[in-house]
Amino acid sequence: MDGGFFGNNDSSFNSGGGSTSSRKPMGEQTLRAVTVKQLANCTITQEGTFKVDNVDLTQVTFVGVIRNVTELSTNISYAVEDGTGKIEVRLWLDQSETAEDAQKRRDLTEDTYVRVFGRLNNFNNKVNVVAFTIRPVKDYNEINYHFVEATLTHVKFTNPAGGSGNGDAMMVDQGAGASSALGNALHDKIMDVLKQYHDLDEGANIHQVVHQLSNVSSEDKIREAIEYLINEGLCYTTTNDDHIKSTESY
């Protein structure tokens, strides 16, 4: 996990020092795109649950630039800013990390744009993030894509007229996959094809998707379905309008 030590990633937060952290149920398997300002303004209930837009929130992803790095013997603290605010992101060190993992971690220097995947934590009444993974941003279009996704998710939760009202289509279900929320067989098949191209920066060429699904539906129907998925924030165009990638690849 790029140097993240998942097994004891809140040890220091749960050992006194005024921490009010509480472990979240493992059943909460959603990952939401957010801004730092949303995290700073989130509500923390008496039970230790985090809420943004009055919706429970546990695992988050956001994009920002590293402003400061503090390295300790057991973890590294990163101050990450995204233009809306700054937040502490803590990455626990894995003593059994490989040389490749160590090199990836050394690439996380000041003024580097990164994408963070992690879990919310409350320490001394201050929200921070315990990172599962931090990786450098290679395509700066990802920054714009992220803010669009975070905005659309916010609108779906706060404006009933702006979407389904529950925002499920903008949440990444790590178990069944976000596409299952659509309840549409063609949409599911398109998302399955896109998964084959997760490792490519440019994603899949639309012509490849059309070709693979030629026995399922017509090209016009497939392109119409792709446009719907893009509008729902489940995939996005990359290098040009003919290449798309699933947001599940984050």
C-alpha atoms as a PDB file:
ATOM      1  CA  MET A   1       0.000   0.000   0.000  1.00  0.00           C
ATOM      2  CA  ASP A   2       2.783   2.443  -0.883  1.00  0.00           C
ATOM      3  CA  GLY A   3       4.276   2.322   2.587  1.00  0.00           C
ATOM      4  CA  GLY A   4       1.016   2.621   4.508  1.00  0.00           C
ATOM      5  CA  PHE A   5       0.840   0.329   7.523  1.00  0.00           C
ATOM      6  CA  PHE A   6      -2.835  -0.587   7.633  1.00  0.00           C
ATOM      7  CA  GLY A   7      -2.589  -2.870  10.641  1.00  0.00           C
ATOM      8  CA  ASN A   8      -1.821  -0.302  13.347  1.00  0.00           C
ATOM      9  CA  ASN A   9      -2.411   2.965  11.601  1.00  0.00           C
ATOM     10  CA  ASP A  10      -3.984   4.637  14.588  1.00  0.00           C
ATOM     11  CA  SER A  11      -1.720   3.493  17.357  1.00  0.00           C
ATOM     12  CA  SER A  12      -0.471   6.927  18.303  1.00  0.00           C
ATOM     13  CA  PHE A  13      -3.916   8.443  18.084  1.00  0.00           C
ATOM     14  CA  ASN A  14      -5.403   5.916  20.484  1.00  0.00           C
ATOM     15  CA  SER A  15      -2.769   6.106  23.173  1.00  0.00           C
ATOM     16  CA  GLY A  16      -3.787   9.157  25.126  1.00  0.00           C
ATOM     17  CA  GLY A  17      -2.728  12.694  24.317  1.00  0.00           C
ATOM     18  CA  GLY A  18      -6.322  13.876  24.191  1.00  0.00           C
ATOM     19  CA  SER A  19      -7.306  11.665  21.279  1.00  0.00           C
ATOM     20  CA  THR A  20     -11.004  11.090  20.685  1.00  0.00           C
ATOM     21  CA  SER A  21     -10.531   8.754  17.757  1.00  0.00           C
ATOM     22  CA  SER A  22     -12.872   5.806  17.418  1.00  0.00           C
ATOM     23  CA  ARG A  23     -12.584   2.930  15.015  1.00  0.00           C
ATOM     24  CA  LYS A  24     -15.152   2.829  12.242  1.00  0.00           C
ATOM     25  CA  PRO A  25     -17.042  -0.340  11.360  1.00  0.00           C
ATOM     26  CA  MET A  26     -15.227  -2.355   8.721  1.00  0.00           C
ATOM     27  CA  GLY A  27     -18.526  -2.589   6.868  1.00  0.00           C
ATOM     28  CA  GLU A  28     -18.259   1.044   5.800  1.00  0.00           C
ATOM     29  CA  GLN A  29     -16.643   0.418   2.426  1.00  0.00           C
ATOM     30  CA  THR A  30     -17.308   3.662   0.548  1.00  0.00           C
ATOM     31  CA  LEU A  31     -14.707   6.093  -0.705  1.00  0.00           C
ATOM     32  CA  ARG A  32     -15.778   9.704  -1.279  1.00  0.00           C
ATOM     33  CA  ALA A  33     -14.023  12.471  -3.178  1.00  0.00           C
ATOM     34  CA  VAL A  34     -13.814  15.581  -0.980  1.00  0.00           C
ATOM     35  CA  THR A  35     -12.036  18.897  -0.571  1.00  0.00           C
ATOM     36  CA  VAL A  36      -9.957  19.813   2.465  1.00  0.00           C
ATOM     37  CA  LYS A  37     -12.452  22.530   3.364  1.00  0.00           C
ATOM     38  CA  GLN A  38     -15.212  19.931   3.583  1.00  0.00           C
ATOM     39  CA  LEU A  39     -13.094  17.901   5.983  1.00  0.00           C
ATOM     40  CA  ALA A  40     -12.256  20.946   8.090  1.00  0.00           C
ATOM     41  CA  ASN A  41     -15.958  21.813   8.357  1.00  0.00           C
ATOM     42  CA  CYS A  42     -17.213  18.272   8.924  1.00  0.00           C
ATOM     43  CA  THR A  43     -19.397  17.431  11.915  1.00  0.00           C
ATOM     44  CA  ILE A  44     -18.172  14.937  14.514  1.00  0.00           C
ATOM     45  CA  THR A  45     -20.926  13.231  16.499  1.00  0.00           C
ATOM     46  CA  GLN A  46     -20.683  12.123  20.114  1.00  0.00           C
ATOM     47  CA  GLU A  47     -20.138   8.580  18.831  1.00  0.00           C
ATOM     48  CA  GLY A  48     -17.091   9.755  16.880  1.00  0.00           C
ATOM     49  CA  THR A  49     -18.754   9.521  13.467  1.00  0.00           C
ATOM     50  CA  PHE A  50     -17.755  12.072  10.827  1.00  0.00           C
ATOM     51  CA  LYS A  51     -20.458  13.707   8.720  1.00  0.00           C
ATOM     52  CA  VAL A  52     -20.197  15.837   5.575  1.00  0.00           C
ATOM     53  CA  ASP A  53     -23.429  17.085   3.981  1.00  0.00           C
ATOM     54  CA  ASN A  54     -25.156  15.263   6.877  1.00  0.00           C
ATOM     55  CA  VAL A  55     -23.896  11.936   5.506  1.00  0.00           C
ATOM     56  CA  ASP A  56     -21.570   9.554   7.368  1.00  0.00           C
ATOM     57  CA  LEU A  57     -18.029   9.635   6.041  1.00  0.00           C
ATOM     58  CA  THR A  58     -15.110   7.337   6.799  1.00  0.00           C
ATOM     59  CA  GLN A  59     -12.804   6.843   3.803  1.00  0.00           C
ATOM     60  CA  VAL A  60     -11.895   9.760   1.560  1.00  0.00           C
ATOM     61  CA  THR A  61      -9.763  10.719  -1.415  1.00  0.00           C
ATOM     62  CA  PHE A  62      -8.514  14.175  -2.359  1.00  0.00           C
ATOM     63  CA  VAL A  63      -5.825  15.890  -4.411  1.00  0.00           C
ATOM     64  CA  GLY A  64      -3.426  18.534  -3.148  1.00  0.00           C
ATOM     65  CA  VAL A  65       0.173  19.675  -2.927  1.00  0.00           C
ATOM     66  CA  ILE A  66       2.562  18.716  -0.138  1.00  0.00           C
ATOM     67  CA  ARG A  67       3.639  21.831   1.775  1.00  0.00           C
ATOM     68  CA  ASN A  68       5.617  20.244   4.602  1.00  0.00           C
ATOM     69  CA  VAL A  69       7.055  16.841   5.485  1.00  0.00           C
ATOM     70  CA  THR A  70       7.859  15.709   9.040  1.00  0.00           C
ATOM     71  CA  GLU A  71       9.502  12.303   9.267  1.00  0.00           C
ATOM     72  CA  LEU A  72       9.471  10.320  12.514  1.00  0.00           C
ATOM     73  CA  SER A  73      10.661   6.821  13.328  1.00  0.00           C
ATOM     74  CA  THR A  74       7.223   5.215  12.927  1.00  0.00           C
ATOM     75  CA  ASN A  75       5.337   7.544  10.600  1.00  0.00           C
ATOM     76  CA  ILE A  76       5.569  10.530   8.298  1.00  0.00           C
ATOM     77  CA  SER A  77       3.321  13.568   8.617  1.00  0.00           C
ATOM     78  CA  TYR A  78       2.478  15.513   5.460  1.00  0.00           C
ATOM     79  CA  ALA A  79       0.811  18.927   5.392  1.00  0.00           C
ATOM     80  CA  VAL A  80      -1.305  18.789   2.226  1.00  0.00           C
ATOM     81  CA  GLU A  81      -3.038  21.842   0.737  1.00  0.00           C
ATOM     82  CA  ASP A  82      -5.624  21.783  -2.042  1.00  0.00           C
ATOM     83  CA  GLY A  83      -6.495  25.471  -2.436  1.00  0.00           C
ATOM     84  CA  THR A  84      -9.470  25.249  -0.059  1.00  0.00           C
ATOM     85  CA  GLY A  85      -7.420  24.508   3.046  1.00  0.00           C
ATOM     86  CA  LYS A  86      -4.593  22.484   4.558  1.00  0.00           C
ATOM     87  CA  ILE A  87      -4.758  19.210   6.484  1.00  0.00           C
ATOM     88  CA  GLU A  88      -2.376  16.787   8.167  1.00  0.00           C
ATOM     89  CA  VAL A  89      -2.004  13.425   6.462  1.00  0.00           C
ATOM     90  CA  ARG A  90      -0.191  10.725   8.414  1.00  0.00           C
ATOM     91  CA  LEU A  91       1.412   7.734   6.709  1.00  0.00           C
ATOM     92  CA  TRP A  92       2.497   4.879   8.962  1.00  0.00           C
ATOM     93  CA  LEU A  93       5.708   3.130   8.015  1.00  0.00           C
ATOM     94  CA  ASP A  94       5.780  -0.565   7.279  1.00  0.00           C
ATOM     95  CA  GLN A  95       8.980  -2.108   8.623  1.00  0.00           C
ATOM     96  CA  SER A  96       8.772  -4.804   5.942  1.00  0.00           C
ATOM     97  CA  GLU A  97       8.409  -2.389   3.030  1.00  0.00           C
ATOM     98  CA  THR A  98      10.216  -3.228  -0.187  1.00  0.00           C
ATOM     99  CA  ALA A  99      12.874  -1.092  -1.843  1.00  0.00           C
ATOM    100  CA  GLU A 100      10.272  -0.055  -4.428  1.00  0.00           C
ATOM    101  CA  ASP A 101       7.883   1.072  -1.685  1.00  0.00           C
ATOM    102  CA  ALA A 102      10.652   3.063  -0.004  1.00  0.00           C
ATOM    103  CA  GLN A 103      11.508   4.796  -3.290  1.00  0.00           C
ATOM    104  CA  LYS A 104       7.857   5.706  -3.870  1.00  0.00           C
ATOM    105  CA  ARG A 105       7.772   7.229  -0.412  1.00  0.00           C
ATOM    106  CA  ARG A 106      10.939   9.244  -1.074  1.00  0.00           C
ATOM    107  CA  ASP A 107       9.201  10.724  -4.130  1.00  0.00           C
ATOM    108  CA  LEU A 108       6.653  12.386  -1.820  1.00  0.00           C
ATOM    109  CA  THR A 109       8.549  15.640  -1.350  1.00  0.00           C
ATOM    110  CA  GLU A 110       7.477  19.226  -0.732  1.00  0.00           C
ATOM    111  CA  ASP A 111       5.702  20.959  -3.652  1.00  0.00           C
ATOM    112  CA  THR A 112       4.668  17.599  -5.113  1.00  0.00           C
ATOM    113  CA  TYR A 113       1.024  17.221  -6.160  1.00  0.00           C
ATOM    114  CA  VAL A 114      -0.433  14.021  -4.751  1.00  0.00           C
ATOM    115  CA  ARG A 115      -3.631  12.036  -4.476  1.00  0.00           C
ATOM    116  CA  VAL A 116      -4.410  10.835  -0.963  1.00  0.00           C
ATOM    117  CA  PHE A 117      -6.527   7.819  -0.043  1.00  0.00           C
ATOM    118  CA  GLY A 118      -7.224   7.476   3.653  1.00  0.00           C
ATOM    119  CA  ARG A 119      -9.467   7.317   6.676  1.00  0.00           C
ATOM    120  CA  LEU A 120     -10.642  10.264   8.734  1.00  0.00           C
ATOM    121  CA  ASN A 121      -9.280  10.580  12.248  1.00  0.00           C
ATOM    122  CA  ASN A 122      -9.913  12.971  15.142  1.00  0.00           C
ATOM    123  CA  PHE A 123      -6.917  13.872  17.288  1.00  0.00           C
ATOM    124  CA  ASN A 124      -7.171  16.584  19.941  1.00  0.00           C
ATOM    125  CA  ASN A 125     -10.442  17.732  18.350  1.00  0.00           C
ATOM    126  CA  LYS A 126      -8.689  18.306  15.043  1.00  0.00           C
ATOM    127  CA  VAL A 127      -9.536  16.333  11.917  1.00  0.00           C
ATOM    128  CA  ASN A 128      -6.678  14.647  10.121  1.00  0.00           C
ATOM    129  CA  VAL A 129      -6.290  11.752   7.696  1.00  0.00           C
ATOM    130  CA  VAL A 130      -4.566   8.414   8.240  1.00  0.00           C
ATOM    131  CA  ALA A 131      -3.375   7.491   4.756  1.00  0.00           C
ATOM    132  CA  PHE A 132      -3.706   4.097   3.129  1.00  0.00           C
ATOM    133  CA  THR A 133      -1.909   5.333   0.022  1.00  0.00           C
ATOM    134  CA  ILE A 134      -0.346   8.576  -1.199  1.00  0.00           C
ATOM    135  CA  ARG A 135       0.775   8.752  -4.808  1.00  0.00           C
ATOM    136  CA  PRO A 136       2.130  11.582  -6.983  1.00  0.00           C
ATOM    137  CA  VAL A 137      -0.200  13.110  -9.572  1.00  0.00           C
ATOM    138  CA  LYS A 138       1.186  12.418 -13.026  1.00  0.00           C
ATOM    139  CA  ASP A 139      -1.579  13.993 -15.122  1.00  0.00           C
ATOM    140  CA  TYR A 140      -2.586  17.433 -13.863  1.00  0.00           C
ATOM    141  CA  ASN A 141      -6.009  17.019 -15.473  1.00  0.00           C
ATOM    142  CA  GLU A 142      -6.665  14.720 -12.528  1.00  0.00           C
ATOM    143  CA  ILE A 143      -6.796  17.790 -10.277  1.00  0.00           C
ATOM    144  CA  ASN A 144      -9.662  19.277 -12.283  1.00  0.00           C
ATOM    145  CA  TYR A 145     -11.427  15.921 -12.545  1.00  0.00           C
ATOM    146  CA  HIS A 146     -11.235  15.519  -8.790  1.00  0.00           C
ATOM    147  CA  PHE A 147     -12.773  18.908  -7.993  1.00  0.00           C
ATOM    148  CA  VAL A 148     -15.578  18.262 -10.482  1.00  0.00           C
ATOM    149  CA  GLU A 149     -16.277  14.905  -8.841  1.00  0.00           C
ATOM    150  CA  ALA A 150     -16.216  16.395  -5.339  1.00  0.00           C
ATOM    151  CA  THR A 151     -18.581  19.177  -6.430  1.00  0.00           C
ATOM    152  CA  LEU A 152     -21.026  16.803  -8.118  1.00  0.00           C
ATOM    153  CA  THR A 153     -21.064  14.584  -5.049  1.00  0.00           C
ATOM    154  CA  HIS A 154     -21.803  17.576  -2.822  1.00  0.00           C
ATOM    155  CA  VAL A 155     -24.638  18.694  -5.105  1.00  0.00           C
ATOM    156  CA  LYS A 156     -26.195  15.236  -5.132  1.00  0.00           C
ATOM    157  CA  PHE A 157     -26.279  15.139  -1.349  1.00  0.00           C
ATOM    158  CA  THR A 158     -27.480  18.704  -0.765  1.00  0.00           C
ATOM    159  CA  ASN A 159     -29.710  19.462  -3.767  1.00  0.00           C
ATOM    160  CA  PRO A 160     -32.496  16.914  -4.401  1.00  0.00           C
ATOM    161  CA  ALA A 161     -33.068  18.456  -7.841  1.00  0.00           C
ATOM    162  CA  GLY A 162     -29.412  17.965  -8.758  1.00  0.00           C
ATOM    163  CA  GLY A 163     -29.396  14.185  -8.775  1.00  0.00           C
ATOM    164  CA  SER A 164     -30.737  11.091  -7.093  1.00  0.00           C
ATOM    165  CA  GLY A 165     -30.708  12.779  -3.683  1.00  0.00           C
ATOM    166  CA  ASN A 166     -28.616  10.099  -2.000  1.00  0.00           C
ATOM    167  CA  GLY A 167     -25.403  10.455  -3.975  1.00  0.00           C
ATOM    168  CA  ASP A 168     -24.892   6.718  -4.390  1.00  0.00           C
ATOM    169  CA  ALA A 169     -23.763   7.096  -7.974  1.00  0.00           C
ATOM    170  CA  MET A 170     -20.837   9.236  -6.828  1.00  0.00           C
ATOM    171  CA  MET A 171     -19.660   6.868  -4.119  1.00  0.00           C
ATOM    172  CA  VAL A 172     -17.116   4.191  -4.941  1.00  0.00           C
ATOM    173  CA  ASP A 173     -18.363   0.895  -3.511  1.00  0.00           C
ATOM    174  CA  GLN A 174     -15.226  -1.138  -2.944  1.00  0.00           C
ATOM    175  CA  GLY A 175     -17.216  -4.334  -2.738  1.00  0.00           C
ATOM    176  CA  ALA A 176     -19.719  -4.469  -5.586  1.00  0.00           C
ATOM    177  CA  GLY A 177     -18.393  -1.539  -7.601  1.00  0.00           C
ATOM    178  CA  ALA A 178     -20.067   1.804  -8.266  1.00  0.00           C
ATOM    179  CA  SER A 179     -21.551   0.709 -11.570  1.00  0.00           C
ATOM    180  CA  SER A 180     -23.923  -1.698  -9.819  1.00  0.00           C
ATOM    181  CA  ALA A 181     -25.747   1.299  -8.348  1.00  0.00           C
ATOM    182  CA  LEU A 182     -26.958   2.154 -11.829  1.00  0.00           C
ATOM    183  CA  GLY A 183     -28.956  -1.029 -12.204  1.00  0.00           C
ATOM    184  CA  ASN A 184     -28.336  -1.062 -15.956  1.00  0.00           C
ATOM    185  CA  ALA A 185     -26.786  -4.078 -17.693  1.00  0.00           C
ATOM    186  CA  LEU A 186     -25.124  -2.073 -20.487  1.00  0.00           C
ATOM    187  CA  HIS A 187     -23.633   0.381 -18.004  1.00  0.00           C
ATOM    188  CA  ASP A 188     -22.250  -2.519 -15.984  1.00  0.00           C
ATOM    189  CA  LYS A 189     -20.678  -4.095 -19.074  1.00  0.00           C
ATOM    190  CA  ILE A 190     -19.048  -0.794 -20.051  1.00  0.00           C
ATOM    191  CA  MET A 191     -17.590  -0.413 -16.585  1.00  0.00           C
ATOM    192  CA  ASP A 192     -16.286  -3.988 -16.759  1.00  0.00           C
ATOM    193  CA  VAL A 193     -14.488  -3.173 -20.020  1.00  0.00           C
ATOM    194  CA  LEU A 194     -12.980  -0.004 -18.536  1.00  0.00           C
ATOM    195  CA  LYS A 195     -11.541  -2.038 -15.661  1.00  0.00           C
ATOM    196  CA  GLN A 196      -9.333  -3.800 -18.191  1.00  0.00           C
ATOM    197  CA  TYR A 197      -7.557  -0.504 -18.873  1.00  0.00           C
ATOM    198  CA  HIS A 198      -7.100   0.759 -15.288  1.00  0.00           C
ATOM    199  CA  ASP A 199      -3.314   0.595 -15.560  1.00  0.00           C
ATOM    200  CA  LEU A 200      -3.150   2.855 -18.620  1.00  0.00           C
ATOM    201  CA  ASP A 201      -2.939   6.606 -17.970  1.00  0.00           C
ATOM    202  CA  GLU A 202      -5.124   7.300 -21.000  1.00  0.00           C
ATOM    203  CA  GLY A 203      -7.664   4.599 -20.098  1.00  0.00           C
ATOM    204  CA  ALA A 204      -9.665   2.877 -22.835  1.00  0.00           C
ATOM    205  CA  ASN A 205     -10.324   4.087 -26.349  1.00  0.00           C
ATOM    206  CA  ILE A 206     -14.079   4.361 -26.933  1.00  0.00           C
ATOM    207  CA  HIS A 207     -13.646   2.377 -30.148  1.00  0.00           C
ATOM    208  CA  GLN A 208     -12.224  -0.487 -28.049  1.00  0.00           C
ATOM    209  CA  VAL A 209     -15.296  -0.393 -25.826  1.00  0.00           C
ATOM    210  CA  VAL A 210     -17.636  -0.349 -28.823  1.00  0.00           C
ATOM    211  CA  HIS A 211     -15.779  -3.265 -30.420  1.00  0.00           C
ATOM    212  CA  GLN A 212     -15.868  -5.435 -27.294  1.00  0.00           C
ATOM    213  CA  LEU A 213     -19.574  -4.796 -26.772  1.00  0.00           C
ATOM    214  CA  SER A 214     -20.617  -4.987 -30.440  1.00  0.00           C
ATOM    215  CA  ASN A 215     -22.568  -8.183 -29.712  1.00  0.00           C
ATOM    216  CA  VAL A 216     -24.371  -6.514 -26.805  1.00  0.00           C
ATOM    217  CA  SER A 217     -25.643  -3.220 -28.218  1.00  0.00           C
ATOM    218  CA  SER A 218     -25.306  -0.778 -31.106  1.00  0.00           C
ATOM    219  CA  GLU A 219     -22.532   1.823 -31.250  1.00  0.00           C
ATOM    220  CA  ASP A 220     -25.038   4.658 -30.746  1.00  0.00           C
ATOM    221  CA  LYS A 221     -26.453   3.020 -27.615  1.00  0.00           C
ATOM    222  CA  ILE A 222     -22.980   2.361 -26.227  1.00  0.00           C
ATOM    223  CA  ARG A 223     -21.857   5.952 -26.818  1.00  0.00           C
ATOM    224  CA  GLU A 224     -25.070   7.217 -25.224  1.00  0.00           C
ATOM    225  CA  ALA A 225     -24.429   5.015 -22.192  1.00  0.00           C
ATOM    226  CA  ILE A 226     -20.821   6.250 -21.955  1.00  0.00           C
ATOM    227  CA  GLU A 227     -22.024   9.854 -22.009  1.00  0.00           C
ATOM    228  CA  TYR A 228     -24.420   9.024 -19.163  1.00  0.00           C
ATOM    229  CA  LEU A 229     -21.625   7.444 -17.121  1.00  0.00           C
ATOM    230  CA  ILE A 230     -19.449  10.517 -17.648  1.00  0.00           C
ATOM    231  CA  ASN A 231     -22.274  12.819 -16.544  1.00  0.00           C
ATOM    232  CA  GLU A 232     -22.773  10.656 -13.449  1.00  0.00           C
ATOM    233  CA  GLY A 233     -19.092  10.953 -12.536  1.00  0.00           C
ATOM    234  CA  LEU A 234     -18.401   7.224 -12.930  1.00  0.00           C
ATOM    235  CA  CYS A 235     -15.874   7.737 -15.725  1.00  0.00           C
ATOM    236  CA  TYR A 236     -14.136  10.673 -17.394  1.00  0.00           C
ATOM    237  CA  THR A 237     -12.302  11.611 -20.580  1.00  0.00           C
ATOM    238  CA  THR A 238      -8.506  11.636 -20.383  1.00  0.00           C
ATOM    239  CA  THR A 239      -6.077  12.577 -23.171  1.00  0.00           C
ATOM    240  CA  ASN A 240      -8.936  13.402 -25.566  1.00  0.00           C
ATOM    241  CA  ASP A 241     -12.662  12.827 -26.052  1.00  0.00           C
ATOM    242  CA  ASP A 242     -12.023   9.338 -27.454  1.00  0.00           C
ATOM    243  CA  HIS A 243     -10.314   8.017 -24.323  1.00  0.00           C
ATOM    244  CA  ILE A 244     -12.125   7.373 -21.048  1.00  0.00           C
ATOM    245  CA  LYS A 245     -11.228   5.955 -17.670  1.00  0.00           C
ATOM    246  CA  SER A 246     -13.293   4.713 -14.759  1.00  0.00           C
ATOM    247  CA  THR A 247     -13.188   6.637 -11.482  1.00  0.00           C
ATOM    248  CA  GLU A 248     -12.996   3.204  -9.810  1.00  0.00           C
ATOM    249  CA  SER A 249      -9.326   3.154 -10.880  1.00  0.00           C
ATOM    250  CA  TYR A 250      -8.425   5.701  -8.193  1.00  0.00           C
END
